[in-house]
Protein backbone atom coordinates (compact mmCIF):
# COMPACT_ATOMS: atom_id res chain seq x y z
CA MET A 1 -1.91 3.27 8.42
CA THR A 2 -1.56 2.51 12.54
CA ALA A 3 1.25 3.85 14.00
CA GLY A 4 1.23 5.01 17.96
CA GLU A 5 1.70 8.56 18.42
CA ASN A 6 5.08 8.03 19.81
CA PRO A 7 8.03 5.98 19.29
CA PHE A 8 7.56 3.25 22.45
CA TYR A 9 5.90 0.43 20.82
CA ASN A 10 8.50 0.13 17.57
CA GLU A 11 10.33 2.29 16.13
CA GLU A 12 7.43 4.08 14.25
CA TRP A 13 5.36 6.69 15.41
CA THR A 14 2.88 8.51 13.10
CA GLU A 15 4.32 11.44 12.11
CA SER A 16 7.44 9.26 11.22
CA ALA A 17 5.35 6.56 9.55
CA TRP A 18 3.40 9.38 7.29
CA ARG A 19 6.78 11.36 6.32
CA ILE A 20 8.16 7.12 5.26
CA LEU A 21 4.68 6.79 3.38
CA ARG A 22 4.56 10.41 1.70
CA ASP A 23 8.74 10.95 0.80
CA TYR A 24 9.98 6.98 0.60
CA ALA A 25 6.68 4.23 0.06
CA ALA A 26 4.30 6.37 -1.95
CA PRO A 27 6.49 7.29 -5.06
CA ARG A 28 7.66 4.12 -5.46
CA VAL A 29 4.10 2.49 -6.53
CA LEU A 30 1.69 5.53 -7.00
CA GLY A 31 1.83 5.85 -11.37
CA ARG A 32 2.14 2.90 -11.89
CA GLU A 33 0.67 -0.01 -13.45
CA LEU A 34 0.33 -2.79 -11.03
CA ASP A 35 -0.51 -6.37 -11.32
CA GLY A 36 -2.62 -6.48 -8.00
CA PRO A 37 -1.68 -5.68 -4.06
CA GLU A 38 0.41 -8.37 -3.28
CA ALA A 39 2.98 -6.13 -6.16
CA VAL A 40 3.50 -3.11 -4.04
CA TYR A 41 5.65 -5.19 -1.29
CA PRO A 42 8.75 -5.90 -4.09
CA LEU A 43 8.19 -2.42 -4.77
CA THR A 44 9.03 -0.87 -0.88
CA ALA A 45 11.11 -3.80 0.00
CA HIS A 46 14.35 -1.69 0.29
CA ILE A 47 12.92 0.55 2.80
CA ARG A 48 14.08 -1.04 6.19
CA GLY A 49 11.77 -1.25 8.58
CA HIS A 50 8.86 0.85 9.14
CA ASN A 51 6.70 -1.56 8.12
CA MET A 52 3.48 -0.16 9.72
CA ALA A 53 3.88 2.77 6.97
CA LYS A 54 4.99 0.27 3.82
CA GLY A 55 1.69 -2.17 5.84
CA GLY A 56 -0.91 0.55 5.69
CA LEU A 57 -0.27 1.34 1.62
CA GLU A 58 -0.49 -2.54 1.35
CA ALA A 59 -3.76 -2.03 2.61
CA ALA A 60 -4.73 0.76 1.04
CA ALA A 61 -3.45 -1.28 -2.49
CA TRP A 62 -7.16 -3.46 -1.23
CA THR A 63 -9.23 -0.79 -1.52
CA TRP A 64 -7.73 0.62 -5.75
CA PRO A 65 -10.95 0.99 -7.35
CA HIS A 66 -10.75 -2.37 -9.68
CA ALA A 67 -9.27 -4.68 -6.66
CA TRP A 68 -12.50 -3.58 -4.57
CA LYS A 69 -15.27 -3.35 -7.14
CA ALA A 70 -14.29 -7.04 -8.08
CA CYS A 71 -14.61 -7.98 -4.56
CA ARG A 72 -17.71 -6.27 -4.07
CA PHE A 73 -19.68 -7.63 -6.54
CA GLY A 74 -18.92 -11.19 -5.50
CA LYS A 75 -16.12 -11.61 -8.37
CA ARG A 76 -12.46 -13.06 -8.87
CA SER A 77 -10.33 -10.34 -7.88
CA ALA A 78 -8.96 -8.24 -10.25
CA ALA A 79 -5.25 -9.75 -10.21
CA ALA A 80 -7.00 -13.10 -10.26
CA ARG A 81 -8.20 -12.13 -13.39
CA GLY A 82 -4.75 -11.22 -14.82
CA ALA A 83 -6.27 -7.41 -14.81
CA LYS A 84 -3.95 -4.56 -14.60
CA PHE A 85 -4.50 -1.11 -12.90
CA ARG A 86 -2.96 1.65 -12.23
CA ALA A 87 -2.22 3.12 -8.46
CA GLU A 88 -3.11 6.84 -8.38
CA SER A 89 -3.73 9.18 -5.09
CA PRO A 90 -7.12 10.63 -4.97
């Protein structure tokens, strides 16, 4: 997740982005069966603004184990193969 230290560029700053991610966005995603990274957006779309926090969670979804493993070996992504994976926190 990328956000400035202060809310001078947009409404987010590092502390607020982490709070939105921790308290609102991540709980909507973690522990769910996902078809792939694109499944993250609909789960967080109800959160107004906070694009840095939501975008950070979407970016993290691309590195979740099954998606990362498929890309690493040059195979189609897990989502493209129709695989489902469970989003979990480390």
